[in-house]
Amino acid sequence: MPAAAPTPSVAAGTATVTRQEEVLTGPALEFVAALHERFTPRRDDLLARRAERRAEIARTGTLDFLPETARVREDPTWRVAPAPAALDDRRVEITGPTDRKMTVNALNSGARVWLADFEDASAPTWRNVVQGQLNLIDAFERRIDFTTAEGKTYALRPDEELATVVVRPRGWHLDERHLTVAGRPVPGALVDFGLFFFHNARRLAERGKGPFFYLPKLESHREARLWNDVFVFAQERLGLPHGTVRATVLIETITAAFEMEEILYELRDHASGLNAGRWDYLFSLIKNFRAAGAEFVLPDRNAVTMTVPFMRAYTELLVRTCHQRGAHAIGGMAAFIPSRRDPEVNEAALAKVRADKEREAGDGFDGSWVAHPDLVPVARAAFDAVLGDRPHQKHRLREDVHVTAGQLLALGTTEAKPTFEGLRNAVQVGIRYIEAWLRGQGAVAIFNLMEDAATAEISRSQIWQWVHTGVVLDGGEKATPALVREVAAAELEAVRAELGETGFAAGRWREAHDLLLRVALDDDYAEFLTLPAYELLD
């Protein structure tokens, strides 16, 4: 009999979180240790493969569909497993972190699904990681509520009215430094998945409610194969039937866009769909082609809409791929958020979200994301108009869609150009988001848009690309490090004036300013801004 894996331990100096003993039980930690021992070496190899592939993209300046997996794409017979009843109708999904207030509000929102997010909408402080797990356990046991500072209390509606929970663990690249095995951090993905699965999988399976997962930032079908093996191992370890787990993969990297069918194939016994993760997708395009020349330079983030040709190619290919294989196609996030204080802002946000969701429903998507409960009725109306009483529209095979590699990479088809205002907005969003992240907030409303780590990544990556490509902005100014530093200094002073000295001193503004300049200007491009930012978290 093989020796048991070493049990993970909480790193020295880590502050104790209230009730953490309910999450970090001996058996739960042993389960995480088994995942770590079995799968972390493969994770490490796959991260090395990522680096090799990026180097190849930098060398060739292009990508294509994989010749070695053509048989998977050309075989018309295979399908993913049928969707369980709880995931058959996904017309509206709400996303958000797993803090106590969001947990109650998301479950009560009227959405069919809640993406309970340990990834881009959550800053991975140890407190957030542990309390997020506790909040989910409390929700499933119906012992969660929330009272505002004004004394208003929120409690869960009846079970049949609650959203189905789909958990998004962290991406493969992030470690959890607070939980170590033999002194080595456990990958955050295995911590988030392992703790949630151990504590909740059996009860959710008995109710027909899971466990269900969203898989972020995959870059290849090999990474999907790793997740599939994690699912198989976890199910066997806890005595659950093969195929109990269902996973939806976010197609939010350009390399994954070339492997959609292969990703579904690797997960086919556990797959339930693909999602068009639009913001990370733009980040991935910029990151991979950041030094490939002027033809790969994108304009201001807000000018790159879902109707530009290369984004249309990406989303239409996703719908066709999913429906050909019996999977759900889930649309992306509209970043606009409503305002309960400003009717004009509110109406503009609702109109933009309405148009976005109507386009997705018309294109064949089976559902889509919103970031705020007030947007649930808007998205639901758009999909109700197309779906009616049907749970999805997988019958729309989109055989009219034929997407080439060139169409996915045709970044030069956008008519807009980089502007000074776009540069300033990137600096503003970068500083304001990073400052909130360092204080433990991962989803932040900035200028009437819901920003998360993905949109911050776009901001700093565009600055990097514009500076290193020598972009000339609309006013004739060249994007230079000096110009970026000047804009960043002005933003820091604007924040000081906005908050006052006391409010400014209470934040982490200088650290956010310095980190943005580091990840936006250093010649050595950081693969993810959250990696150096994580070292600054408490």
Protein backbone atom coordinates (compact mmCIF):
# COMPACT_ATOMS: atom_id res chain seq x y z
CA MET A 1 0.00 0.00 0.00
CA PRO A 2 1.54 3.35 -1.00
CA ALA A 3 2.40 5.81 1.73
CA ALA A 4 -0.07 8.61 2.34
CA ALA A 5 0.77 11.99 0.86
CA PRO A 6 2.09 14.58 3.33
CA THR A 7 -0.75 16.63 4.76
CA PRO A 8 -0.81 20.30 3.72
CA SER A 9 -0.13 22.81 6.45
CA VAL A 10 -1.03 26.45 6.82
CA ALA A 11 2.11 28.52 6.25
CA ALA A 12 3.73 30.15 9.26
CA GLY A 13 2.56 33.69 9.88
CA THR A 14 -0.83 33.19 8.21
CA ALA A 15 -3.59 34.94 10.14
CA THR A 16 -6.33 32.64 11.42
CA VAL A 17 -9.69 33.04 9.73
CA THR A 18 -12.82 32.66 11.84
CA ARG A 19 -14.26 29.12 11.52
CA GLN A 20 -11.41 27.98 9.27
CA GLU A 21 -11.32 24.68 11.15
CA GLU A 22 -14.65 23.84 9.50
CA VAL A 23 -12.98 24.04 6.08
CA LEU A 24 -9.44 22.89 6.85
CA THR A 25 -10.40 19.56 8.39
CA GLY A 26 -7.93 16.70 8.44
CA PRO A 27 -9.74 14.64 5.79
CA ALA A 28 -10.21 17.70 3.54
CA LEU A 29 -6.51 18.53 3.72
CA GLU A 30 -5.60 14.90 3.00
CA PHE A 31 -7.78 15.09 -0.10
CA VAL A 32 -6.03 18.29 -1.25
CA ALA A 33 -2.67 16.63 -0.56
CA ALA A 34 -3.61 13.68 -2.77
CA LEU A 35 -4.58 16.05 -5.58
CA HIS A 36 -1.33 17.97 -5.15
CA GLU A 37 0.88 14.88 -5.16
CA ARG A 38 -0.79 13.38 -8.21
CA PHE A 39 -1.39 16.42 -10.42
CA THR A 40 0.97 19.29 -9.55
CA PRO A 41 3.92 17.79 -11.49
CA ARG A 42 1.74 17.62 -14.61
CA ARG A 43 0.58 21.17 -13.97
CA ASP A 44 4.22 22.26 -13.88
CA ASP A 45 4.95 20.53 -17.19
CA LEU A 46 1.96 22.20 -18.82
CA LEU A 47 3.05 25.64 -17.63
CA ALA A 48 6.43 24.95 -19.23
CA ARG A 49 4.62 24.00 -22.46
CA ARG A 50 2.80 27.35 -22.32
CA ALA A 51 6.11 29.18 -22.28
CA GLU A 52 7.39 27.13 -25.22
CA ARG A 53 4.27 27.84 -27.23
CA ARG A 54 4.42 31.57 -26.55
CA ALA A 55 8.01 31.57 -27.76
CA GLU A 56 6.89 29.80 -30.94
CA ILE A 57 4.09 32.36 -31.49
CA ALA A 58 6.59 35.18 -30.99
CA ARG A 59 8.93 33.57 -33.52
CA THR A 60 6.32 32.86 -36.21
CA GLY A 61 3.74 35.60 -35.54
CA THR A 62 0.89 33.20 -36.25
CA LEU A 63 -1.24 30.28 -35.05
CA ASP A 64 -3.22 27.53 -36.74
CA PHE A 65 -5.47 24.59 -35.97
CA LEU A 66 -3.46 21.57 -34.81
CA PRO A 67 -2.75 19.02 -37.57
CA GLU A 68 -2.15 16.26 -34.99
CA THR A 69 -5.73 16.50 -33.68
CA ALA A 70 -7.49 16.77 -37.04
CA ARG A 71 -9.13 13.37 -36.49
CA VAL A 72 -11.03 14.78 -33.49
CA ARG A 73 -12.33 17.73 -35.48
CA GLU A 74 -13.20 15.59 -38.50
CA ASP A 75 -15.05 12.84 -36.60
CA PRO A 76 -18.76 13.81 -36.69
CA THR A 77 -19.92 11.08 -34.30
CA TRP A 78 -18.80 12.10 -30.84
CA ARG A 79 -20.85 14.25 -28.42
CA VAL A 80 -20.42 15.49 -24.89
CA ALA A 81 -22.49 13.91 -22.13
CA PRO A 82 -26.11 15.11 -21.91
CA ALA A 83 -26.60 18.08 -19.61
CA PRO A 84 -28.08 17.31 -16.18
CA ALA A 85 -31.46 18.92 -15.50
CA ALA A 86 -29.93 21.62 -13.30
CA LEU A 87 -27.77 22.82 -16.21
CA ASP A 88 -30.16 22.32 -19.10
CA ASP A 89 -31.54 25.87 -19.03
CA ARG A 90 -28.78 28.43 -18.57
CA ARG A 91 -30.32 31.47 -20.22
CA VAL A 92 -29.08 33.89 -17.54
CA GLU A 93 -25.97 33.45 -15.40
CA ILE A 94 -24.79 35.94 -12.79
CA THR A 95 -21.13 36.16 -11.82
CA GLY A 96 -19.46 37.39 -8.69
CA PRO A 97 -17.15 36.65 -5.76
CA THR A 98 -18.08 34.35 -2.90
CA ASP A 99 -18.37 36.94 -0.14
CA ARG A 100 -21.42 36.60 2.09
CA LYS A 101 -23.50 39.41 0.58
CA MET A 102 -22.88 38.30 -3.00
CA THR A 103 -23.63 34.70 -2.11
CA VAL A 104 -27.11 35.60 -0.88
CA ASN A 105 -27.86 38.14 -3.60
CA ALA A 106 -26.61 35.94 -6.44
CA LEU A 107 -28.57 32.90 -5.29
CA ASN A 108 -31.69 35.07 -4.96
CA SER A 109 -31.13 37.02 -8.20
CA GLY A 110 -33.49 35.09 -10.45
CA ALA A 111 -30.60 33.93 -12.64
CA ARG A 112 -30.52 30.25 -13.56
CA VAL A 113 -26.82 29.94 -12.63
CA TRP A 114 -24.44 31.70 -10.27
CA LEU A 115 -20.76 31.58 -11.20
CA ALA A 116 -19.29 31.53 -7.70
CA ASP A 117 -15.91 33.03 -8.43
CA PHE A 118 -12.61 32.26 -6.73
CA GLU A 119 -10.78 33.61 -9.78
CA ASP A 120 -10.86 36.99 -11.56
CA ALA A 121 -13.63 38.52 -9.43
CA SER A 122 -11.92 37.57 -6.18
CA ALA A 123 -8.64 38.80 -4.74
CA PRO A 124 -7.12 35.62 -3.24
CA THR A 125 -6.45 36.78 0.29
CA TRP A 126 -6.44 33.84 2.68
CA ARG A 127 -9.54 35.29 4.31
CA ASN A 128 -11.37 35.41 0.97
CA VAL A 129 -10.33 31.86 0.08
CA VAL A 130 -11.46 30.32 3.37
CA GLN A 131 -14.57 32.43 3.94
CA GLY A 132 -15.67 31.85 0.35
CA GLN A 133 -15.65 28.12 1.00
CA LEU A 134 -17.53 28.65 4.28
CA ASN A 135 -20.15 30.81 2.59
CA LEU A 136 -20.87 28.11 0.03
CA ILE A 137 -21.17 25.43 2.70
CA ASP A 138 -23.47 27.68 4.73
CA ALA A 139 -25.58 28.38 1.63
CA PHE A 140 -26.04 24.70 0.85
CA GLU A 141 -27.02 24.10 4.48
CA ARG A 142 -29.36 27.15 4.39
CA ARG A 143 -27.74 28.88 7.33
CA ILE A 144 -26.54 31.97 5.52
CA ASP A 145 -27.96 35.48 5.66
CA PHE A 146 -26.66 39.02 5.41
CA THR A 147 -27.47 42.28 7.19
CA THR A 148 -26.39 45.63 5.75
CA ALA A 149 -24.94 48.49 7.77
CA GLU A 150 -28.37 50.11 7.55
CA GLY A 151 -29.98 47.07 9.18
CA LYS A 152 -31.59 45.52 6.08
CA THR A 153 -31.51 41.73 6.23
CA TYR A 154 -31.27 39.35 3.28
CA ALA A 155 -32.07 35.64 3.53
CA LEU A 156 -32.30 32.81 1.02
CA ARG A 157 -35.47 32.24 -0.97
CA PRO A 158 -36.94 28.72 -1.23
CA ASP A 159 -34.56 26.17 -2.78
CA GLU A 160 -36.48 25.92 -6.04
CA GLU A 161 -35.97 29.67 -6.63
CA LEU A 162 -32.21 29.67 -6.09
CA ALA A 163 -29.59 29.80 -8.84
CA THR A 164 -27.55 26.67 -9.53
CA VAL A 165 -23.99 27.12 -8.27
CA VAL A 166 -21.09 26.69 -10.69
CA VAL A 167 -17.71 27.27 -9.02
CA ARG A 168 -14.76 28.84 -10.82
CA PRO A 169 -11.42 27.92 -9.22
CA ARG A 170 -8.25 29.84 -9.89
CA GLY A 171 -6.25 29.24 -13.07
CA TRP A 172 -3.40 26.74 -13.28
CA HIS A 173 -0.75 29.48 -13.06
CA LEU A 174 -1.59 30.67 -9.53
CA ASP A 175 -0.28 29.09 -6.32
CA GLU A 176 -1.78 29.31 -2.83
CA ARG A 177 1.15 30.34 -0.66
CA HIS A 178 -0.81 29.97 2.57
CA LEU A 179 -1.24 26.21 2.11
CA THR A 180 1.93 24.20 1.56
CA VAL A 181 3.07 20.60 1.27
CA ALA A 182 6.68 19.97 2.29
CA GLY A 183 7.23 23.70 2.06
CA ARG A 184 5.85 24.03 -1.47
CA PRO A 185 2.64 26.01 -2.19
CA VAL A 186 -0.31 24.00 -3.51
CA PRO A 187 -1.72 25.26 -6.84
CA GLY A 188 -4.67 27.55 -6.13
CA ALA A 189 -6.81 25.61 -8.61
CA LEU A 190 -6.41 22.40 -6.60
CA VAL A 191 -7.07 24.21 -3.31
CA ASP A 192 -10.29 25.82 -4.57
CA PHE A 193 -11.49 22.69 -6.34
CA GLY A 194 -10.38 20.27 -3.64
CA LEU A 195 -11.94 22.03 -0.65
CA PHE A 196 -15.21 22.69 -2.48
CA PHE A 197 -15.44 19.17 -3.87
CA PHE A 198 -14.61 17.46 -0.59
CA HIS A 199 -17.16 19.39 1.45
CA ASN A 200 -20.01 19.64 -1.06
CA ALA A 201 -19.79 17.11 -3.90
CA ARG A 202 -21.77 14.32 -2.27
CA ARG A 203 -24.63 16.50 -1.05
CA LEU A 204 -24.88 18.29 -4.40
CA ALA A 205 -24.86 15.02 -6.32
CA GLU A 206 -27.69 13.69 -4.15
CA ARG A 207 -29.76 16.76 -5.03
CA GLY A 208 -28.88 16.65 -8.74
CA LYS A 209 -27.18 20.04 -8.34
CA GLY A 210 -23.56 19.26 -9.09
CA PRO A 211 -20.79 19.58 -8.43
CA PHE A 212 -20.42 21.95 -11.37
CA PHE A 213 -17.36 23.99 -12.34
CA TYR A 214 -16.17 26.72 -14.69
CA LEU A 215 -12.57 26.18 -15.86
CA PRO A 216 -10.61 29.40 -16.53
CA LYS A 217 -7.66 30.38 -18.68
CA LEU A 218 -7.04 27.02 -20.35
CA GLU A 219 -4.53 27.31 -23.16
CA SER A 220 -4.71 23.83 -24.67
CA HIS A 221 -6.60 20.54 -24.81
CA ARG A 222 -3.81 19.02 -22.72
CA GLU A 223 -4.80 21.32 -19.87
CA ALA A 224 -8.41 20.17 -20.32
CA ARG A 225 -7.18 16.57 -20.15
CA LEU A 226 -5.50 17.35 -16.82
CA TRP A 227 -8.77 18.73 -15.43
CA ASN A 228 -10.62 15.65 -16.69
CA ASP A 229 -8.16 13.41 -14.87
CA VAL A 230 -8.64 15.50 -11.71
CA PHE A 231 -12.39 14.92 -11.98
CA VAL A 232 -12.00 11.17 -12.51
CA PHE A 233 -9.65 10.85 -9.54
CA ALA A 234 -11.83 13.00 -7.25
CA GLN A 235 -15.01 11.08 -8.11
CA GLU A 236 -13.33 7.74 -7.49
CA ARG A 237 -11.78 8.95 -4.24
CA LEU A 238 -15.17 10.04 -2.84
CA GLY A 239 -17.15 7.16 -4.37
CA LEU A 240 -19.19 9.24 -6.83
CA PRO A 241 -20.22 7.87 -10.23
CA HIS A 242 -18.08 8.71 -13.24
CA GLY A 243 -19.54 11.76 -14.98
CA THR A 244 -21.08 13.31 -11.87
CA VAL A 245 -18.96 16.44 -12.36
CA ARG A 246 -19.86 18.86 -15.12
CA ALA A 247 -17.48 21.54 -16.35
CA THR A 248 -17.90 24.57 -18.59
CA VAL A 249 -14.67 25.81 -20.13
CA LEU A 250 -14.02 29.50 -20.67
CA ILE A 251 -12.53 29.98 -24.11
CA GLU A 252 -10.61 33.06 -23.09
CA THR A 253 -7.20 32.48 -24.67
CA ILE A 254 -6.38 32.67 -28.34
CA THR A 255 -4.66 29.27 -28.24
CA ALA A 256 -7.77 27.65 -26.76
CA ALA A 257 -9.85 29.19 -29.54
CA PHE A 258 -7.92 27.01 -31.97
CA GLU A 259 -8.66 23.91 -29.84
CA MET A 260 -12.34 24.24 -28.90
CA GLU A 261 -13.32 20.84 -30.25
CA GLU A 262 -10.31 19.13 -28.72
CA ILE A 263 -11.08 20.68 -25.32
CA LEU A 264 -14.65 19.40 -25.43
CA TYR A 265 -13.40 16.00 -26.56
CA GLU A 266 -10.97 15.64 -23.65
CA LEU A 267 -13.74 16.54 -21.19
CA ARG A 268 -16.59 14.88 -23.07
CA ASP A 269 -17.83 12.76 -20.13
CA HIS A 270 -17.76 15.83 -17.90
CA ALA A 271 -18.31 18.74 -20.30
CA SER A 272 -21.40 20.89 -20.31
CA GLY A 273 -20.36 23.77 -22.53
CA LEU A 274 -18.00 26.55 -23.54
CA ASN A 275 -18.15 30.22 -22.61
CA ALA A 276 -16.98 33.23 -24.62
CA GLY A 277 -14.74 34.88 -22.03
CA ARG A 278 -14.33 38.05 -24.03
CA TRP A 279 -12.14 40.18 -21.75
CA ASP A 280 -9.50 37.57 -21.03
CA TYR A 281 -9.62 36.68 -24.73
CA LEU A 282 -8.58 40.22 -25.67
CA PHE A 283 -5.88 40.10 -22.99
CA SER A 284 -4.60 36.83 -24.46
CA LEU A 285 -4.48 38.27 -27.98
CA ILE A 286 -2.49 41.28 -26.81
CA LYS A 287 -0.19 39.17 -24.63
CA ASN A 288 0.64 36.61 -27.30
CA PHE A 289 1.09 39.09 -30.15
CA ARG A 290 2.35 42.05 -28.13
CA ALA A 291 5.62 42.26 -30.07
CA ALA A 292 4.34 41.08 -33.46
CA GLY A 293 4.12 44.50 -35.05
CA ALA A 294 1.59 47.19 -35.91
CA GLU A 295 -0.94 44.81 -37.48
CA PHE A 296 -1.56 43.29 -34.04
CA VAL A 297 -2.00 46.59 -32.18
CA LEU A 298 -5.55 47.00 -30.93
CA PRO A 299 -7.27 50.36 -30.37
CA ASP A 300 -8.79 51.50 -27.05
CA ARG A 301 -10.37 48.63 -25.15
CA ASN A 302 -13.87 50.08 -25.33
CA ALA A 303 -13.59 50.43 -29.12
CA VAL A 304 -13.10 46.67 -29.55
CA THR A 305 -16.72 45.57 -29.53
CA MET A 306 -18.11 42.10 -30.10
CA THR A 307 -19.10 43.09 -33.63
CA VAL A 308 -15.57 43.60 -34.98
CA PRO A 309 -14.72 40.82 -37.45
CA PHE A 310 -12.17 38.86 -35.41
CA MET A 311 -14.43 38.80 -32.34
CA ARG A 312 -17.41 37.73 -34.50
CA ALA A 313 -15.30 34.89 -35.89
CA TYR A 314 -14.41 33.76 -32.37
CA THR A 315 -17.97 33.78 -31.02
CA GLU A 316 -19.59 32.23 -34.08
CA LEU A 317 -17.01 29.44 -34.10
CA LEU A 318 -17.77 28.82 -30.43
CA VAL A 319 -21.52 28.49 -31.01
CA ARG A 320 -21.04 26.17 -33.99
CA THR A 321 -18.53 24.01 -32.11
CA CYS A 322 -20.72 23.65 -29.04
CA HIS A 323 -23.93 22.83 -30.89
CA GLN A 324 -22.25 20.36 -33.23
CA ARG A 325 -21.09 18.48 -30.12
CA GLY A 326 -24.24 18.80 -28.01
CA ALA A 327 -22.79 21.36 -25.59
CA HIS A 328 -24.15 24.68 -24.33
CA ALA A 329 -22.72 27.89 -25.78
CA ILE A 330 -22.66 30.61 -23.12
CA GLY A 331 -22.14 34.26 -24.01
CA GLY A 332 -19.81 36.71 -22.35
CA MET A 333 -19.94 39.47 -19.80
CA ALA A 334 -21.35 42.89 -20.55
CA ALA A 335 -19.27 45.15 -18.32
CA PHE A 336 -21.89 47.91 -18.09
CA ILE A 337 -23.57 48.16 -14.70
CA PRO A 338 -26.81 49.96 -13.78
CA SER A 339 -27.04 52.93 -11.46
CA ARG A 340 -29.88 53.25 -8.96
CA ARG A 341 -28.95 56.90 -8.39
CA ASP A 342 -28.51 58.24 -11.94
CA PRO A 343 -31.42 57.50 -14.32
CA GLU A 344 -29.44 58.57 -17.37
CA VAL A 345 -26.50 56.29 -16.59
CA ASN A 346 -28.94 53.53 -15.74
CA GLU A 347 -30.83 53.73 -19.03
CA ALA A 348 -27.62 53.84 -21.05
CA ALA A 349 -26.31 50.73 -19.28
CA LEU A 350 -29.58 48.84 -19.72
CA ALA A 351 -29.71 49.72 -23.42
CA LYS A 352 -26.15 48.51 -24.04
CA VAL A 353 -26.68 45.27 -22.12
CA ARG A 354 -29.98 44.69 -23.91
CA ALA A 355 -28.34 45.07 -27.32
CA ASP A 356 -25.47 42.80 -26.33
CA LYS A 357 -27.73 40.01 -25.08
CA GLU A 358 -30.13 40.28 -28.02
CA ARG A 359 -27.18 39.87 -30.37
CA GLU A 360 -25.95 36.80 -28.50
CA ALA A 361 -29.39 35.19 -28.41
CA GLY A 362 -29.79 35.87 -32.11
CA ASP A 363 -26.41 34.33 -32.87
CA GLY A 364 -27.39 31.05 -31.23
CA PHE A 365 -25.99 31.30 -27.71
CA ASP A 366 -27.94 29.37 -25.08
CA GLY A 367 -27.38 31.87 -22.29
CA SER A 368 -25.13 34.69 -21.15
CA TRP A 369 -23.54 36.47 -18.20
CA VAL A 370 -24.46 39.54 -16.17
CA ALA A 371 -22.60 41.09 -13.25
CA HIS A 372 -25.50 42.70 -11.35
CA PRO A 373 -28.91 41.44 -10.20
CA ASP A 374 -30.66 44.40 -11.87
CA LEU A 375 -29.47 43.09 -15.25
CA VAL A 376 -30.97 39.62 -14.85
CA PRO A 377 -34.42 40.66 -16.22
CA VAL A 378 -32.78 42.38 -19.19
CA ALA A 379 -30.79 39.31 -20.20
CA ARG A 380 -33.69 36.98 -19.49
CA ALA A 381 -36.01 38.99 -21.75
CA ALA A 382 -33.49 38.83 -24.60
CA PHE A 383 -33.20 35.05 -24.37
CA ASP A 384 -36.90 34.46 -23.61
CA ALA A 385 -37.72 36.17 -26.90
CA VAL A 386 -35.63 33.61 -28.80
CA LEU A 387 -35.93 30.48 -26.65
CA GLY A 388 -39.52 30.71 -25.49
CA ASP A 389 -40.17 27.59 -23.42
CA ARG A 390 -37.18 25.71 -24.81
CA PRO A 391 -34.21 25.37 -22.42
CA HIS A 392 -31.61 26.08 -25.14
CA GLN A 393 -31.15 26.28 -28.89
CA LYS A 394 -28.65 23.52 -29.56
CA HIS A 395 -30.69 22.59 -32.61
CA ARG A 396 -29.14 25.63 -34.31
CA LEU A 397 -26.02 23.93 -35.63
CA ARG A 398 -24.73 27.08 -37.36
CA GLU A 399 -23.52 25.09 -40.35
CA ASP A 400 -23.33 28.41 -42.18
CA VAL A 401 -20.26 29.30 -40.08
CA HIS A 402 -16.82 28.57 -41.52
CA VAL A 403 -14.00 30.24 -39.63
CA THR A 404 -10.37 30.26 -40.74
CA ALA A 405 -7.22 30.83 -38.73
CA GLY A 406 -6.74 34.09 -40.57
CA GLN A 407 -10.15 35.37 -39.49
CA LEU A 408 -9.40 34.65 -35.82
CA LEU A 409 -6.14 36.60 -36.10
CA ALA A 410 -7.36 39.51 -38.25
CA LEU A 411 -6.80 42.14 -35.56
CA GLY A 412 -6.14 44.76 -38.20
CA THR A 413 -9.80 44.74 -39.25
CA THR A 414 -10.77 47.21 -36.52
CA GLU A 415 -11.22 50.74 -37.83
CA ALA A 416 -10.58 52.58 -34.55
CA LYS A 417 -7.09 53.71 -33.52
CA PRO A 418 -5.36 54.14 -30.14
CA THR A 419 -6.13 57.47 -28.47
CA PHE A 420 -4.72 59.52 -25.64
CA GLU A 421 -8.02 59.13 -23.79
CA GLY A 422 -7.71 55.38 -24.20
CA LEU A 423 -4.23 55.50 -22.66
CA ARG A 424 -5.45 57.63 -19.77
CA ASN A 425 -8.42 55.30 -19.18
CA ALA A 426 -6.09 52.29 -19.15
CA VAL A 427 -3.94 53.98 -16.50
CA GLN A 428 -6.97 55.03 -14.46
CA VAL A 429 -8.57 51.59 -14.52
CA GLY A 430 -5.24 49.89 -13.83
CA ILE A 431 -4.43 51.97 -10.75
CA ARG A 432 -7.96 51.97 -9.33
CA TYR A 433 -8.48 48.24 -9.85
CA ILE A 434 -5.10 47.17 -8.48
CA GLU A 435 -5.60 49.33 -5.38
CA ALA A 436 -8.94 47.66 -4.67
CA TRP A 437 -7.45 44.21 -5.37
CA LEU A 438 -4.67 44.80 -2.87
CA ARG A 439 -7.37 45.53 -0.28
CA GLY A 440 -9.09 42.23 -1.08
CA GLN A 441 -11.71 43.30 -3.65
CA GLY A 442 -11.70 41.48 -6.96
CA ALA A 443 -14.81 42.91 -8.64
CA VAL A 444 -14.82 46.71 -8.70
CA ALA A 445 -17.20 49.27 -10.22
CA ILE A 446 -15.09 51.91 -12.00
CA PHE A 447 -16.63 54.59 -14.23
CA ASN A 448 -19.93 52.66 -14.46
CA LEU A 449 -18.22 49.47 -15.63
CA MET A 450 -17.63 46.30 -13.63
CA GLU A 451 -13.92 45.66 -13.74
CA ASP A 452 -12.13 42.47 -12.72
CA ALA A 453 -8.61 41.10 -13.13
CA ALA A 454 -9.20 40.42 -16.84
CA THR A 455 -10.02 44.02 -17.69
CA ALA A 456 -7.08 45.24 -15.62
CA GLU A 457 -4.88 42.85 -17.60
CA ILE A 458 -6.12 44.39 -20.85
CA SER A 459 -5.35 47.87 -19.53
CA ARG A 460 -1.76 47.22 -18.54
CA SER A 461 -1.07 45.01 -21.58
CA GLN A 462 -2.29 47.68 -23.98
CA ILE A 463 -0.03 50.23 -22.33
CA TRP A 464 2.90 47.80 -22.69
CA GLN A 465 2.12 47.09 -26.33
CA TRP A 466 1.54 50.72 -27.31
CA VAL A 467 4.78 51.83 -25.66
CA HIS A 468 6.92 48.98 -27.00
CA THR A 469 5.45 49.30 -30.50
CA GLY A 470 5.91 53.08 -30.55
CA VAL A 471 2.24 53.82 -31.21
CA VAL A 472 1.39 57.41 -32.16
CA LEU A 473 -1.85 58.45 -30.47
CA ASP A 474 -4.65 60.47 -32.03
CA GLY A 475 -3.26 63.82 -30.88
CA GLY A 476 0.14 63.15 -32.40
CA GLU A 477 1.82 62.15 -29.13
CA LYS A 478 3.89 59.01 -29.09
CA ALA A 479 3.15 56.46 -26.37
CA THR A 480 6.33 56.51 -24.26
CA PRO A 481 7.26 55.49 -20.72
CA ALA A 482 7.57 59.17 -19.84
CA LEU A 483 4.04 59.90 -21.06
CA VAL A 484 2.63 56.93 -19.12
CA ARG A 485 4.40 58.05 -15.94
CA GLU A 486 3.06 61.57 -16.42
CA VAL A 487 -0.50 60.29 -16.82
CA ALA A 488 -0.11 57.97 -13.82
CA ALA A 489 1.19 60.78 -11.61
CA ALA A 490 -1.76 62.95 -12.61
CA GLU A 491 -4.19 60.12 -11.81
CA LEU A 492 -2.64 59.64 -8.38
CA GLU A 493 -3.13 63.33 -7.63
CA ALA A 494 -6.70 63.19 -8.95
CA VAL A 495 -7.45 60.33 -6.56
CA ARG A 496 -5.88 62.29 -3.68
CA ALA A 497 -8.09 65.28 -4.47
CA GLU A 498 -11.15 63.05 -4.82
CA LEU A 499 -10.65 61.20 -1.51
CA GLY A 500 -8.88 63.80 0.60
CA GLU A 501 -5.65 63.15 2.47
CA THR A 502 -7.25 60.86 5.06
CA GLY A 503 -9.06 58.71 2.51
CA PHE A 504 -5.98 58.57 0.29
CA ALA A 505 -3.74 57.49 3.16
CA ALA A 506 -6.21 54.74 4.11
CA GLY A 507 -5.80 53.09 0.70
CA ARG A 508 -2.90 51.44 -1.08
CA TRP A 509 -2.64 53.93 -3.90
CA ARG A 510 1.11 54.36 -4.12
CA GLU A 511 1.63 50.59 -4.23
CA ALA A 512 -1.00 50.28 -6.96
CA HIS A 513 0.59 53.10 -8.96
CA ASP A 514 4.05 51.55 -8.71
CA LEU A 515 2.85 48.06 -9.60
CA LEU A 516 0.93 49.27 -12.64
CA LEU A 517 4.01 51.05 -13.97
CA ARG A 518 6.09 47.94 -13.33
CA VAL A 519 3.81 45.52 -15.21
CA ALA A 520 3.01 48.05 -17.96
CA LEU A 521 6.51 49.33 -18.69
CA ASP A 522 9.13 46.73 -17.74
CA ASP A 523 10.81 45.13 -20.74
CA ASP A 524 10.34 41.76 -19.04
CA TYR A 525 6.58 41.37 -19.52
CA ALA A 526 4.87 39.71 -16.53
CA GLU A 527 2.63 36.87 -17.76
CA PHE A 528 -0.09 37.85 -15.27
CA LEU A 529 -0.22 41.01 -13.18
CA THR A 530 -1.77 38.96 -10.35
CA LEU A 531 1.54 37.11 -9.89
CA PRO A 532 3.54 40.12 -8.64
CA ALA A 533 0.38 41.59 -7.08
CA TYR A 534 -0.13 38.42 -5.04
CA GLU A 535 3.19 39.02 -3.28
CA LEU A 536 1.74 42.30 -1.95
CA LEU A 537 -1.48 40.76 -0.57
CA ASP A 538 -1.81 40.43 3.18
